[in-house]
Structures are given as structure tokens and as C-alpha cells.
Amino acid sequence: MAIDTFQEKYCDIAREYLAQGHSLDALAAKLKCSRITVYNWKEKHKNFEEAIEEGFSSRTGMVEDILTHNAKT
């Protein structure tokens, strides 16, 4: 069954899932909704948009740390 009602817990799920390297498409699948729904929630819920940005930012930081570590070894 597809989920189309936004829940606050999706912010934490998005932040953590995206930080692990997953895409917005994969997040939509995890939340059992369409990609369009994720984008709609992102537009309608500032906290969800911020969680997505934080997740992507964490992932970028993680990749940079790995690359920096590998460059030193």
C-alpha cells in the first residue's frame, strides 16, 4: 500500500538513509511512496527539505573524509 500522508518521522529516516549514500528514488521506495511524493513533501515541509539536505551533506562529508584518508596513506 502506498503512503501519501507525510509523517514527521520521515525526516529522521530521510536524514539517516541519505547519509548512508542512498538516492531520493531509494528513499521513496523505503517510504513506500513515489518519487513525486517525496518531491512534493520536500516542497511542502521545510523540515523534510532540511533533513534531505542534511543527509546529502553528511554523505558528502563522509566521502571527503574517506578520500582525504586514502590520499594520506
C-alpha atoms as a PDB file:
ATOM      1  CA  MET A   1       0.000   0.000   0.000  1.00  0.00           C
ATOM      2  CA  ALA A   2       1.376   3.392  -0.959  1.00  0.00           C
ATOM      3  CA  ILE A   3       1.875   6.042   1.685  1.00  0.00           C
ATOM      4  CA  ASP A   4       0.880   9.560   0.731  1.00  0.00           C
ATOM      5  CA  THR A   5       0.498  11.221   4.130  1.00  0.00           C
ATOM      6  CA  PHE A   6       3.595  12.916   5.466  1.00  0.00           C
ATOM      7  CA  GLN A   7       4.799  11.921   8.939  1.00  0.00           C
ATOM      8  CA  GLU A   8       7.428  13.754  10.977  1.00  0.00           C
ATOM      9  CA  LYS A   9       9.390  10.529  11.457  1.00  0.00           C
ATOM     10  CA  TYR A  10      10.207  10.643   7.736  1.00  0.00           C
ATOM     11  CA  CYS A  11      12.650  13.474   8.466  1.00  0.00           C
ATOM     12  CA  ASP A  12      14.855  11.214  10.587  1.00  0.00           C
ATOM     13  CA  ILE A  13      14.514   8.350   8.123  1.00  0.00           C
ATOM     14  CA  ALA A  14      15.499  10.606   5.206  1.00  0.00           C
ATOM     15  CA  ARG A  15      18.459  12.132   7.049  1.00  0.00           C
ATOM     16  CA  GLU A  16      19.893   8.751   8.045  1.00  0.00           C
ATOM     17  CA  TYR A  17      19.119   6.909   4.804  1.00  0.00           C
ATOM     18  CA  LEU A  18      20.529   9.588   2.516  1.00  0.00           C
ATOM     19  CA  ALA A  19      23.632   9.948   4.705  1.00  0.00           C
ATOM     20  CA  GLN A  20      24.303   6.254   4.002  1.00  0.00           C
ATOM     21  CA  GLY A  21      24.574   7.059   0.307  1.00  0.00           C
ATOM     22  CA  HIS A  22      21.092   6.229  -0.942  1.00  0.00           C
ATOM     23  CA  SER A  23      19.279   8.279  -3.579  1.00  0.00           C
ATOM     24  CA  LEU A  24      15.931  10.062  -3.365  1.00  0.00           C
ATOM     25  CA  ASP A  25      14.478   7.275  -5.520  1.00  0.00           C
ATOM     26  CA  ALA A  26      15.679   4.714  -2.992  1.00  0.00           C
ATOM     27  CA  LEU A  27      14.250   6.839  -0.160  1.00  0.00           C
ATOM     28  CA  ALA A  28      10.883   6.885  -1.917  1.00  0.00           C
ATOM     29  CA  ALA A  29      10.960   3.093  -2.164  1.00  0.00           C
ATOM     30  CA  LYS A  30      11.861   2.818   1.518  1.00  0.00           C
ATOM     31  CA  LEU A  31       8.951   5.091   2.440  1.00  0.00           C
ATOM     32  CA  LYS A  32       6.685   3.130   0.067  1.00  0.00           C
ATOM     33  CA  CYS A  33       5.726   6.178  -1.970  1.00  0.00           C
ATOM     34  CA  SER A  34       6.566   7.640  -5.348  1.00  0.00           C
ATOM     35  CA  ARG A  35       9.482   9.881  -6.145  1.00  0.00           C
ATOM     36  CA  ILE A  36       6.970  12.625  -6.979  1.00  0.00           C
ATOM     37  CA  THR A  37       5.534  12.315  -3.464  1.00  0.00           C
ATOM     38  CA  VAL A  38       8.995  12.780  -1.947  1.00  0.00           C
ATOM     39  CA  TYR A  39       9.492  15.916  -4.038  1.00  0.00           C
ATOM     40  CA  ASN A  40       6.041  17.205  -3.059  1.00  0.00           C
ATOM     41  CA  TRP A  41       6.782  16.632   0.628  1.00  0.00           C
ATOM     42  CA  LYS A  42      10.101  18.387   0.183  1.00  0.00           C
ATOM     43  CA  GLU A  43       8.291  21.447  -1.185  1.00  0.00           C
ATOM     44  CA  LYS A  44       5.532  21.430   1.437  1.00  0.00           C
ATOM     45  CA  HIS A  45       7.527  20.549   4.571  1.00  0.00           C
ATOM     46  CA  LYS A  46      10.568  22.708   5.278  1.00  0.00           C
ATOM     47  CA  ASN A  47      11.785  20.293   7.963  1.00  0.00           C
ATOM     48  CA  PHE A  48      11.749  17.424   5.458  1.00  0.00           C
ATOM     49  CA  GLU A  49      13.664  19.525   2.940  1.00  0.00           C
ATOM     50  CA  GLU A  50      16.253  20.342   5.628  1.00  0.00           C
ATOM     51  CA  ALA A  51      16.545  16.671   6.595  1.00  0.00           C
ATOM     52  CA  ILE A  52      17.226  15.769   2.964  1.00  0.00           C
ATOM     53  CA  GLU A  53      19.877  18.467   2.700  1.00  0.00           C
ATOM     54  CA  GLU A  54      21.476  17.299   5.959  1.00  0.00           C
ATOM     55  CA  GLY A  55      21.526  13.713   4.724  1.00  0.00           C
ATOM     56  CA  PHE A  56      23.225  14.669   1.473  1.00  0.00           C
ATOM     57  CA  SER A  57      25.640  16.928   3.350  1.00  0.00           C
ATOM     58  CA  SER A  58      26.602  14.133   5.745  1.00  0.00           C
ATOM     59  CA  ARG A  59      27.204  11.815   2.824  1.00  0.00           C
ATOM     60  CA  THR A  60      29.441  14.391   1.144  1.00  0.00           C
ATOM     61  CA  GLY A  61      31.412  14.828   4.361  1.00  0.00           C
ATOM     62  CA  MET A  62      31.823  11.079   4.701  1.00  0.00           C
ATOM     63  CA  VAL A  63      33.118  10.758   1.129  1.00  0.00           C
ATOM     64  CA  GLU A  64      35.525  13.664   1.640  1.00  0.00           C
ATOM     65  CA  ASP A  65      36.864  12.059   4.831  1.00  0.00           C
ATOM     66  CA  ILE A  66      37.448   8.757   3.035  1.00  0.00           C
ATOM     67  CA  LEU A  67      39.206  10.456   0.131  1.00  0.00           C
ATOM     68  CA  THR A  68      41.381  12.524   2.467  1.00  0.00           C
ATOM     69  CA  HIS A  69      42.313   9.431   4.464  1.00  0.00           C
ATOM     70  CA  ASN A  70      43.147   7.456   1.308  1.00  0.00           C
ATOM     71  CA  ALA A  71      45.257  10.303  -0.036  1.00  0.00           C
ATOM     72  CA  LYS A  72      47.341  10.282   3.159  1.00  0.00           C
ATOM     73  CA  THR A  73      48.010   6.544   3.082  1.00  0.00           C
END
